[in-house]
Protein backbone atom coordinates (compact mmCIF):
# COMPACT_ATOMS: atom_id res chain seq x y z
CA UNK A 1 0.31 -0.14 0.13
CA UNK A 2 1.31 2.89 -1.06
CA UNK A 3 0.08 6.33 1.73
CA UNK A 4 1.64 9.11 -0.87
CA UNK A 5 -1.41 9.19 -3.19
CA UNK A 6 -3.37 10.43 -0.92
CA UNK A 7 -5.85 13.43 -1.56
CA UNK A 8 -5.99 16.37 0.96
CA UNK A 9 -8.14 17.73 4.08
CA UNK A 10 -7.23 20.98 5.28
CA UNK A 11 -4.31 21.07 3.88
CA UNK A 12 -2.92 16.86 5.56
CA UNK A 13 -3.01 13.60 4.05
CA UNK A 14 -6.17 12.44 3.45
CA UNK A 15 -6.69 8.72 2.59
CA UNK A 16 -9.38 7.66 0.01
CA UNK A 17 -9.85 4.15 1.05
CA UNK A 18 -10.00 2.60 4.24
CA UNK A 19 -7.10 0.71 3.10
CA UNK A 20 -4.98 4.01 2.71
CA UNK A 21 -6.21 5.01 6.29
CA UNK A 22 -5.60 1.86 7.74
CA UNK A 23 -1.73 2.18 6.56
CA UNK A 24 -1.52 5.91 6.99
CA UNK A 25 -2.88 5.06 11.17
CA UNK A 26 -0.19 2.45 11.23
CA UNK A 27 2.45 4.28 9.59
CA UNK A 28 2.08 7.76 12.53
CA UNK A 29 1.65 5.48 15.08
CA UNK A 30 4.52 2.85 14.27
CA UNK A 31 6.53 5.52 14.51
CA UNK A 32 5.91 6.79 17.70
CA UNK A 33 5.57 3.49 19.57
CA UNK A 34 9.26 2.58 17.40
CA UNK A 35 10.70 5.25 19.59
CA UNK A 36 8.94 4.59 22.99
CA UNK A 37 9.57 0.88 22.35
CA UNK A 38 13.98 1.68 21.99
CA UNK A 39 14.07 4.43 24.86
CA UNK A 40 12.34 1.23 27.25
CA UNK A 41 14.33 -1.16 25.85
CA UNK A 42 17.37 0.86 26.51
CA UNK A 43 16.82 1.79 29.92
CA UNK A 44 15.81 -1.72 31.15
CA UNK A 45 19.71 -2.04 31.41
CA UNK A 46 19.12 -0.02 35.09
CA UNK A 47 16.31 -3.51 35.39
CA UNK A 48 19.41 -5.82 34.33
CA UNK A 49 21.90 -4.30 37.08
CA UNK A 50 19.70 -3.67 39.58
CA UNK A 51 17.99 -7.65 39.75
CA UNK A 52 20.70 -9.22 37.64
CA UNK A 53 23.88 -7.29 37.91
CA UNK A 54 25.90 -11.03 36.87
CA UNK A 55 24.39 -10.66 33.71
CA UNK A 56 24.96 -7.08 32.79
CA UNK A 57 26.82 -7.28 30.30
CA UNK A 58 25.42 -10.03 28.11
CA UNK A 59 21.81 -8.44 28.36
CA UNK A 60 22.89 -5.05 27.36
CA UNK A 61 24.54 -6.49 24.27
CA UNK A 62 20.80 -8.23 23.61
CA UNK A 63 19.34 -5.18 24.22
CA UNK A 64 21.63 -2.64 21.69
CA UNK A 65 20.99 -5.41 18.97
CA UNK A 66 17.03 -5.42 19.61
CA UNK A 67 17.01 -1.39 19.62
CA UNK A 68 19.31 -0.93 16.26
CA UNK A 69 16.97 -4.20 15.14
CA UNK A 70 13.44 -1.38 15.89
CA UNK A 71 15.76 1.78 13.97
CA UNK A 72 15.90 -0.04 11.55
CA UNK A 73 12.34 -0.99 11.20
CA UNK A 74 11.90 2.75 11.85
CA UNK A 75 14.02 3.82 8.91
CA UNK A 76 12.17 1.87 6.29
CA UNK A 77 9.23 3.53 7.03
CA UNK A 78 11.53 6.29 4.97
CA UNK A 79 11.28 3.88 1.69
CA UNK A 80 9.15 3.04 -0.68
CA UNK A 81 9.92 -0.49 0.12
CA UNK A 82 9.32 0.15 3.50
CA UNK A 83 6.17 1.38 3.22
CA UNK A 84 4.99 -1.05 0.76
CA UNK A 85 5.70 -3.58 3.61
CA UNK A 86 4.67 -1.65 6.81
CA UNK A 87 2.38 -5.09 8.18
CA UNK A 88 5.02 -7.18 7.47
CA UNK A 89 8.02 -5.19 9.09
CA UNK A 90 5.55 -3.89 12.17
CA UNK A 91 5.00 -7.71 13.05
CA UNK A 92 8.67 -8.04 13.44
CA UNK A 93 9.51 -5.42 15.14
CA UNK A 94 6.97 -5.85 17.54
CA UNK A 95 8.00 -9.45 18.32
CA UNK A 96 11.89 -7.80 19.18
CA UNK A 97 11.43 -7.33 22.34
CA UNK A 98 8.59 -10.34 23.12
CA UNK A 99 11.51 -12.80 22.19
CA UNK A 100 14.51 -10.74 24.48
CA UNK A 101 11.96 -10.56 27.32
CA UNK A 102 10.97 -14.38 27.08
CA UNK A 103 14.76 -15.36 26.71
CA UNK A 104 16.00 -13.01 29.93
CA UNK A 105 13.44 -15.18 31.47
CA UNK A 106 14.77 -18.41 30.38
CA UNK A 107 18.54 -17.16 31.47
CA UNK A 108 17.02 -15.90 34.89
CA UNK A 109 14.44 -17.42 36.83
CA UNK A 110 11.55 -18.89 34.70
CA UNK A 111 8.08 -18.22 36.42
CA UNK A 112 9.86 -16.09 38.91
CA UNK A 113 11.79 -13.97 36.91
CA UNK A 114 10.99 -9.90 37.44
CA UNK A 115 10.67 -9.63 33.67
CA UNK A 116 7.79 -11.14 33.48
CA UNK A 117 6.16 -7.28 34.19
CA UNK A 118 7.48 -6.46 30.60
CA UNK A 119 6.03 -9.50 29.25
CA UNK A 120 2.43 -7.57 29.93
CA UNK A 121 3.72 -4.07 29.36
CA UNK A 122 4.67 -4.79 26.35
CA UNK A 123 1.67 -6.63 25.43
CA UNK A 124 -0.57 -4.13 26.60
CA UNK A 125 1.29 -0.93 24.39
CA UNK A 126 1.76 -2.46 21.33
CA UNK A 127 -2.22 -2.91 20.96
CA UNK A 128 -3.60 -0.31 22.39
CA UNK A 129 -1.31 2.13 20.37
CA UNK A 130 -0.94 0.22 17.12
CA UNK A 131 -3.36 0.16 15.55
CA UNK A 132 -4.08 -4.08 14.54
CA UNK A 133 -6.38 -6.43 13.02
CA UNK A 134 -8.20 -9.11 15.15
CA UNK A 135 -5.67 -12.01 13.74
CA UNK A 136 -2.46 -9.54 14.78
CA UNK A 137 -3.56 -9.07 18.27
CA UNK A 138 -4.38 -12.77 18.54
CA UNK A 139 -1.21 -13.25 16.88
CA UNK A 140 0.26 -11.20 19.27
CA UNK A 141 -0.76 -12.51 22.32
CA UNK A 142 -0.30 -16.37 21.11
CA UNK A 143 3.47 -14.99 20.46
CA UNK A 144 3.52 -13.58 23.51
CA UNK A 145 2.16 -16.55 26.19
CA UNK A 146 4.51 -18.80 23.94
CA UNK A 147 7.14 -17.48 24.51
CA UNK A 148 6.65 -17.25 28.27
CA UNK A 149 5.78 -20.93 28.72
CA UNK A 150 8.66 -22.30 26.36
CA UNK A 151 11.19 -19.49 28.54
CA UNK A 152 10.05 -21.37 31.84
CA UNK A 153 9.85 -24.82 30.53
CA UNK A 154 12.69 -25.22 28.86
CA UNK A 155 14.90 -23.81 30.90
CA UNK A 156 17.68 -25.82 32.87
CA UNK A 157 16.21 -26.15 35.93
CA UNK A 158 12.59 -26.00 34.69
CA UNK A 159 9.58 -25.05 36.23
CA UNK A 160 9.88 -24.39 39.74
CA UNK A 161 6.78 -23.25 40.50
CA UNK A 162 3.50 -24.77 38.66
CA UNK A 163 1.04 -23.06 40.41
CA UNK A 164 2.91 -19.44 39.81
CA UNK A 165 3.49 -20.62 35.95
CA UNK A 166 -0.29 -20.98 35.62
CA UNK A 167 -1.58 -17.81 37.44
CA UNK A 168 1.10 -15.95 35.05
CA UNK A 169 -0.56 -17.78 32.21
CA UNK A 170 -3.91 -16.95 32.91
CA UNK A 171 -2.69 -12.93 33.49
CA UNK A 172 -1.71 -13.28 29.54
CA UNK A 173 -4.48 -14.96 29.22
CA UNK A 174 -6.62 -11.88 30.46
CA UNK A 175 -3.98 -9.31 28.82
CA UNK A 176 -4.85 -11.52 25.35
CA UNK A 177 -8.34 -11.08 25.67
CA UNK A 178 -8.18 -7.36 26.45
CA UNK A 179 -5.53 -6.97 23.08
CA UNK A 180 -8.36 -8.76 20.90
CA UNK A 181 -10.78 -6.44 22.87
CA UNK A 182 -9.04 -2.99 21.85
CA UNK A 183 -8.52 -4.11 18.33
CA UNK A 184 -11.93 -4.81 17.44
CA UNK A 185 -13.20 -1.53 18.97
CA UNK A 186 -10.39 0.68 17.72
CA UNK A 187 -11.17 -0.52 14.33
CA UNK A 188 -14.59 0.27 14.24
CA UNK A 189 -13.75 3.43 15.58
CA UNK A 190 -10.99 4.09 12.67
CA UNK A 191 -13.62 3.19 10.04
CA UNK A 192 -16.42 5.83 11.43
CA UNK A 193 -14.07 8.39 11.46
CA UNK A 194 -12.78 7.34 8.10
CA UNK A 195 -16.14 7.61 6.77
CA UNK A 196 -16.99 10.75 9.02
CA UNK A 197 -13.65 12.68 7.40
CA UNK A 198 -14.57 11.41 3.69
CA UNK A 199 -17.85 12.71 4.28
CA UNK A 200 -16.52 16.22 5.55
CA UNK A 201 -14.57 16.25 2.46
CA UNK A 202 -17.17 15.51 0.16
CA UNK A 203 -19.10 18.61 1.20
CA UNK A 204 -16.54 20.65 0.96
CA UNK A 205 -15.99 20.05 -2.92
CA UNK A 206 -19.70 20.53 -3.25
CA UNK A 207 -19.42 23.31 -1.36
CA UNK A 208 -16.37 24.67 -3.34
CA UNK A 209 -18.66 23.46 -6.75
CA UNK A 210 -21.32 25.78 -5.51
CA UNK A 211 -19.13 28.65 -5.21
CA UNK A 212 -17.20 28.44 -7.99
CA UNK A 213 -20.82 28.22 -9.64
CA UNK A 214 -21.82 31.32 -7.72
CA UNK A 215 -18.87 33.14 -8.97
CA UNK A 216 -19.51 32.34 -12.34
CA UNK A 217 -23.25 33.10 -12.05
CA UNK A 218 -21.91 36.74 -10.01
CA UNK A 219 -19.85 37.78 -13.05
CA UNK A 220 -22.18 37.36 -15.37
CA UNK A 221 -25.16 39.25 -13.81
CA UNK A 222 -22.91 41.85 -12.79
CA UNK A 223 -22.00 42.03 -17.19
CA UNK A 224 -26.12 41.91 -17.55
CA UNK A 225 -26.41 44.84 -15.12
CA UNK A 226 -23.96 46.73 -16.89
CA UNK A 227 -25.10 45.77 -20.51
CA UNK A 228 -28.79 47.10 -18.97
CA UNK A 229 -27.74 50.26 -17.79
CA UNK A 230 -25.64 51.40 -20.95
CA UNK A 231 -28.65 49.67 -22.95
CA UNK A 232 -31.21 52.07 -20.50
CA UNK A 233 -28.86 54.97 -21.33
CA UNK A 234 -28.23 54.05 -24.95
CA UNK A 235 -32.03 54.28 -25.41
CA UNK A 236 -32.54 57.95 -24.48
CA UNK A 237 -29.17 59.22 -26.57
CA UNK A 238 -30.24 57.43 -29.63
CA UNK A 239 -33.35 58.62 -29.74
CA UNK A 240 -31.92 62.04 -30.02
CA UNK A 241 -28.71 61.26 -31.79
CA UNK A 242 -31.46 59.63 -34.88
CA UNK A 243 -33.19 62.72 -35.35
CA UNK A 244 -29.60 64.91 -35.58
CA UNK A 245 -28.74 62.87 -38.25
CA UNK A 246 -31.72 62.21 -40.18
CA UNK A 247 -31.50 65.75 -40.70
CA UNK A 248 -28.22 66.40 -41.66
CA UNK A 249 -28.85 63.75 -44.61
CA UNK A 250 -31.72 65.53 -45.13
CA UNK A 251 -29.85 68.30 -45.68
CA UNK A 252 -27.13 66.83 -47.40
CA UNK A 253 -28.87 65.52 -50.38
CA UNK A 254 -30.89 68.65 -50.51
CA UNK A 255 -27.66 70.08 -51.13
CA UNK A 256 -26.49 67.98 -53.81
CA UNK A 257 -29.85 67.91 -55.82
CA UNK A 258 -28.83 72.29 -56.47
CA UNK A 259 -27.51 73.79 -59.11
CA UNK A 260 -24.44 74.96 -57.19
CA UNK A 261 -23.41 71.03 -56.73
CA UNK A 262 -23.89 69.99 -59.57
CA UNK A 263 -21.70 72.78 -61.31
CA UNK A 264 -19.51 72.45 -58.67
CA UNK A 265 -17.10 69.58 -58.07
CA UNK A 266 -15.42 70.20 -54.59
CA UNK A 267 -18.23 70.90 -53.34
CA UNK A 268 -20.30 67.40 -55.02
CA UNK A 269 -17.67 65.51 -53.63
CA UNK A 270 -17.54 66.98 -50.39
CA UNK A 271 -21.04 66.91 -49.89
CA UNK A 272 -20.96 63.09 -50.48
CA UNK A 273 -18.15 62.96 -48.61
CA UNK A 274 -20.62 64.13 -45.76
CA UNK A 275 -23.41 61.41 -46.77
CA UNK A 276 -21.50 58.80 -46.52
CA UNK A 277 -20.20 59.90 -43.11
CA UNK A 278 -23.78 60.33 -41.70
CA UNK A 279 -25.09 57.25 -43.35
CA UNK A 280 -22.33 55.34 -41.35
CA UNK A 281 -23.48 56.82 -38.23
CA UNK A 282 -26.62 55.99 -39.01
CA UNK A 283 -26.09 52.52 -39.51
CA UNK A 284 -23.61 52.32 -35.72
CA UNK A 285 -26.56 54.05 -34.73
CA UNK A 286 -29.05 51.06 -36.02
CA UNK A 287 -26.49 48.80 -34.83
CA UNK A 288 -26.62 49.96 -31.62
CA UNK A 289 -30.57 50.18 -31.01
CA UNK A 290 -29.84 46.26 -31.31
CA UNK A 291 -28.55 46.29 -26.97
CA UNK A 292 -30.99 49.14 -26.29
CA UNK A 293 -34.28 48.11 -27.18
CA UNK A 294 -33.67 44.41 -26.36
CA UNK A 295 -36.49 42.66 -24.15
CA UNK A 296 -35.10 39.39 -22.13
CA UNK A 297 -36.93 36.35 -22.45
CA UNK A 298 -37.50 32.82 -24.61
CA UNK A 299 -39.51 34.96 -27.74
CA UNK A 300 -35.79 36.77 -27.84
CA UNK A 301 -35.09 33.31 -29.42
CA UNK A 302 -36.24 33.97 -33.28
CA UNK A 303 -34.13 33.63 -37.26
CA UNK A 304 -32.25 36.37 -38.58
CA UNK A 305 -29.31 36.49 -40.49
CA UNK A 306 -25.72 35.73 -39.10
CA UNK A 307 -24.50 37.60 -41.51
CA UNK A 308 -25.94 41.10 -41.02
CA UNK A 309 -24.97 40.33 -37.29
CA UNK A 310 -21.22 39.61 -37.55
CA UNK A 311 -21.56 42.91 -40.01
CA UNK A 312 -23.16 44.49 -37.20
CA UNK A 313 -20.31 43.71 -34.48
CA UNK A 314 -17.40 44.47 -37.09
CA UNK A 315 -18.64 48.19 -36.95
CA UNK A 316 -19.44 48.59 -33.73
CA UNK A 317 -16.01 46.73 -33.06
CA UNK A 318 -14.59 49.41 -35.91
CA UNK A 319 -12.39 51.14 -33.63
CA UNK A 320 -10.53 49.02 -32.45
CA UNK A 321 -10.12 46.75 -35.45
CA UNK A 322 -8.65 49.71 -37.42
CA UNK A 323 -5.67 48.68 -39.91
CA UNK A 324 -6.79 44.90 -39.38
CA UNK A 325 -7.98 43.32 -42.44
CA UNK A 326 -11.54 41.12 -41.71
CA UNK A 327 -12.66 38.97 -44.24
CA UNK A 328 -15.86 37.31 -43.96
CA UNK A 329 -16.28 34.42 -45.49
CA UNK A 330 -20.31 33.30 -44.88
CA UNK A 331 -23.19 30.59 -46.93
CA UNK A 332 -25.83 31.77 -48.92
CA UNK A 333 -27.93 31.24 -46.72
CA UNK A 334 -26.51 32.50 -43.02
CA UNK A 335 -29.86 32.30 -41.56
CA UNK A 336 -29.73 31.09 -37.67
CA UNK A 337 -31.78 31.07 -34.77
CA UNK A 338 -31.32 32.70 -31.22
CA UNK A 339 -31.09 35.85 -29.93
CA UNK A 340 -29.37 38.69 -32.30
CA UNK A 341 -28.17 40.61 -30.12
CA UNK A 342 -25.94 38.71 -27.81
CA UNK A 343 -24.77 37.36 -30.52
CA UNK A 344 -23.79 39.93 -32.02
CA UNK A 345 -22.06 40.85 -28.72
CA UNK A 346 -20.19 37.85 -28.56
CA UNK A 347 -19.36 38.97 -32.20
CA UNK A 348 -17.74 41.91 -31.06
CA UNK A 349 -16.20 40.48 -27.60
CA UNK A 350 -14.16 37.57 -29.74
CA UNK A 351 -13.43 40.60 -32.86
CA UNK A 352 -12.08 42.72 -29.63
CA UNK A 353 -10.04 39.95 -28.51
CA UNK A 354 -8.23 39.25 -31.98
CA UNK A 355 -7.78 42.66 -32.29
CA UNK A 356 -6.32 42.95 -28.81
CA UNK A 357 -4.26 39.87 -30.05
CA UNK A 358 -2.99 41.27 -32.83
CA UNK A 359 -1.63 44.32 -31.85
CA UNK A 360 0.56 42.95 -29.62
CA UNK A 361 1.95 40.66 -32.18
CA UNK A 362 2.56 43.62 -34.52
CA UNK A 363 2.04 41.27 -37.69
CA UNK A 364 2.96 42.86 -40.67
CA UNK A 365 -0.35 41.81 -41.85
CA UNK A 366 -2.50 41.28 -39.14
CA UNK A 367 -5.90 39.21 -40.06
CA UNK A 368 -9.33 38.32 -38.84
CA UNK A 369 -11.52 35.59 -40.78
CA UNK A 370 -14.82 35.20 -39.36
CA UNK A 371 -16.16 31.85 -41.48
CA UNK A 372 -19.49 29.75 -40.87
CA UNK A 373 -20.12 26.17 -42.49
CA UNK A 374 -23.71 24.32 -42.32
CA UNK A 375 -23.20 21.21 -40.42
CA UNK A 376 -26.87 19.45 -40.48
CA UNK A 377 -28.93 21.92 -38.07
CA UNK A 378 -26.55 24.11 -36.86
CA UNK A 379 -24.29 26.23 -38.43
CA UNK A 380 -20.44 26.33 -37.05
CA UNK A 381 -19.14 29.61 -36.35
CA UNK A 382 -15.35 30.46 -36.18
CA UNK A 383 -13.41 33.44 -35.88
CA UNK A 384 -9.65 33.23 -36.44
CA UNK A 385 -6.43 35.72 -35.93
CA UNK A 386 -2.77 35.40 -36.73
CA UNK A 387 -1.96 36.64 -33.75
CA UNK A 388 0.00 35.89 -30.36
CA UNK A 389 -1.99 32.87 -29.76
CA UNK A 390 -2.83 31.48 -26.08
CA UNK A 391 -0.25 29.48 -24.11
CA UNK A 392 -0.81 26.83 -22.39
CA UNK A 393 -0.93 27.39 -19.52
CA UNK A 394 -3.54 29.86 -20.05
CA UNK A 395 -5.58 27.91 -22.59
CA UNK A 396 -8.08 26.08 -19.81
CA UNK A 397 -8.91 29.48 -17.62
CA UNK A 398 -9.92 31.97 -20.69
CA UNK A 399 -13.40 31.25 -19.67
CA UNK A 400 -13.08 31.97 -16.44
CA UNK A 401 -14.83 34.96 -14.45
CA UNK A 402 -12.30 37.21 -14.21
CA UNK A 403 -9.41 35.84 -16.21
CA UNK A 404 -7.54 38.22 -17.94
CA UNK A 405 -4.10 38.38 -19.30
CA UNK A 406 -4.31 41.79 -19.68
CA UNK A 407 -2.58 44.91 -17.47
CA UNK A 408 -4.32 45.91 -14.88
CA UNK A 409 -7.18 47.91 -15.42
CA UNK A 410 -7.35 47.57 -19.39
CA UNK A 411 -9.76 44.71 -18.58
CA UNK A 412 -12.49 42.37 -16.29
CA UNK A 413 -11.86 39.02 -17.56
CA UNK A 414 -15.88 38.58 -17.96
CA UNK A 415 -15.99 38.99 -21.98
CA UNK A 416 -15.06 35.24 -22.83
CA UNK A 417 -17.08 34.26 -19.18
CA UNK A 418 -19.99 36.18 -20.48
CA UNK A 419 -19.96 34.90 -24.33
CA UNK A 420 -19.39 31.73 -22.77
CA UNK A 421 -22.92 31.65 -21.49
CA UNK A 422 -24.84 33.10 -24.49
CA UNK A 423 -23.66 30.32 -26.28
CA UNK A 424 -24.60 27.76 -23.81
CA UNK A 425 -28.24 29.53 -23.88
CA UNK A 426 -28.34 28.80 -27.22
CA UNK A 427 -27.71 25.37 -26.95
CA UNK A 428 -24.08 26.02 -27.92
CA UNK A 429 -20.31 25.78 -27.12
CA UNK A 430 -17.83 28.34 -26.94
CA UNK A 431 -14.54 26.50 -27.48
CA UNK A 432 -11.02 27.88 -27.72
CA UNK A 433 -7.85 26.49 -30.02
CA UNK A 434 -4.94 27.55 -30.32
CA UNK A 435 -0.65 27.70 -31.66
CA UNK A 436 1.26 29.86 -29.28
CA UNK A 437 3.18 32.51 -31.01
CA UNK A 438 0.80 31.37 -34.48
CA UNK A 439 -3.25 32.03 -34.46
CA UNK A 440 -6.08 31.66 -32.28
CA UNK A 441 -9.34 30.14 -33.40
CA UNK A 442 -12.31 30.54 -31.16
CA UNK A 443 -15.86 28.67 -32.37
CA UNK A 444 -19.18 28.15 -31.28
CA UNK A 445 -22.12 26.40 -33.08
CA UNK A 446 -26.13 27.89 -33.83
CA UNK A 447 -29.37 26.64 -34.25
CA UNK A 448 -30.02 26.78 -37.94
CA UNK A 449 -34.66 27.73 -38.45
CA UNK A 450 -36.41 24.61 -39.22
CA UNK A 451 -38.65 24.35 -42.41
């Protein structure tokens, strides 16, 4: 079991399965128990000197070997192999102190040896601190009991006090029952704790997802409120602007019909230029009315000419598109179904972003190509520029609200996220492809009118 492949909860590793949870628990407490075991085994030298000084050197060397064995197990926890075989190494090192104590009982007074206390302490401590399974607890208890009986029976002097031996065996059996009981209930507690942590993690992920969705909705609402305010303001301005434009056009046309204009070529040319300029103003006013007078609701999804919408977007983004060749390639029938003002807004945003990318790339021949192809019952629209492209680390984030690569104050990073929502509302998907340093292409699809 590799306990390194875990998710996190509050910055700490969190196991994905119960098996991983047990492995992580074992790793943590095995490290602590190793240090405590090494300290107690080494400190036992004081007992040797106090009760059996004649065995001091012999027992001291054995204690050093056991401490080294436990230390080796502790070191293995930091290796990949050690973590993969942690259960096996834990069974081995926990047996070392019991075997050592049983050997000391064998070398001293058998059933009368003071080291019997060490067996009970080790049995209780190991089972309480380590997350052993029921079978491991049974095995460890059986090992302790068998080692003690053999140490007493195989002594040269044999068993001197059988009632004492039997009584101490009963004590060890009691400790074994306690060990198995602890392993059963600690296992249940660990499983319950893991389920609770998993539920907490699941609910946290749900909250994060909800917060992310709310952030997207908030970004879209902010942009919609701005557009609504702009539309309200524009409605009054456009009405006031349209009247003088119409008066001016009427006056220019009257001027062109006079004899003076027919005789003076310079005057006629000037009046024609003025008329062309006023007609451009009139077109812009007409395009802006699309935003100013749009009405929300399901009835706004109606057929319209995509080519006309693209031309409107091109005119409205005309200031940013100066010096850029915009090629429009549309099928003969470019009718689509949707909310024309919203699609014009999407096209303005895509053209504006393309112009910004071309300005940064400083191409000799900056170009934007808007094309559309019919694909069954839908129409695929593509906006491609030969600008600087999008970096690989940014391309997955371009539709996130408030994400922007522009300078501070140059953009809020809402345009593409709002456009994505608009296309999604039309039953399509706004996607992006790019080759960094070469080109970028945004594409989306719209439904076509059904016969």
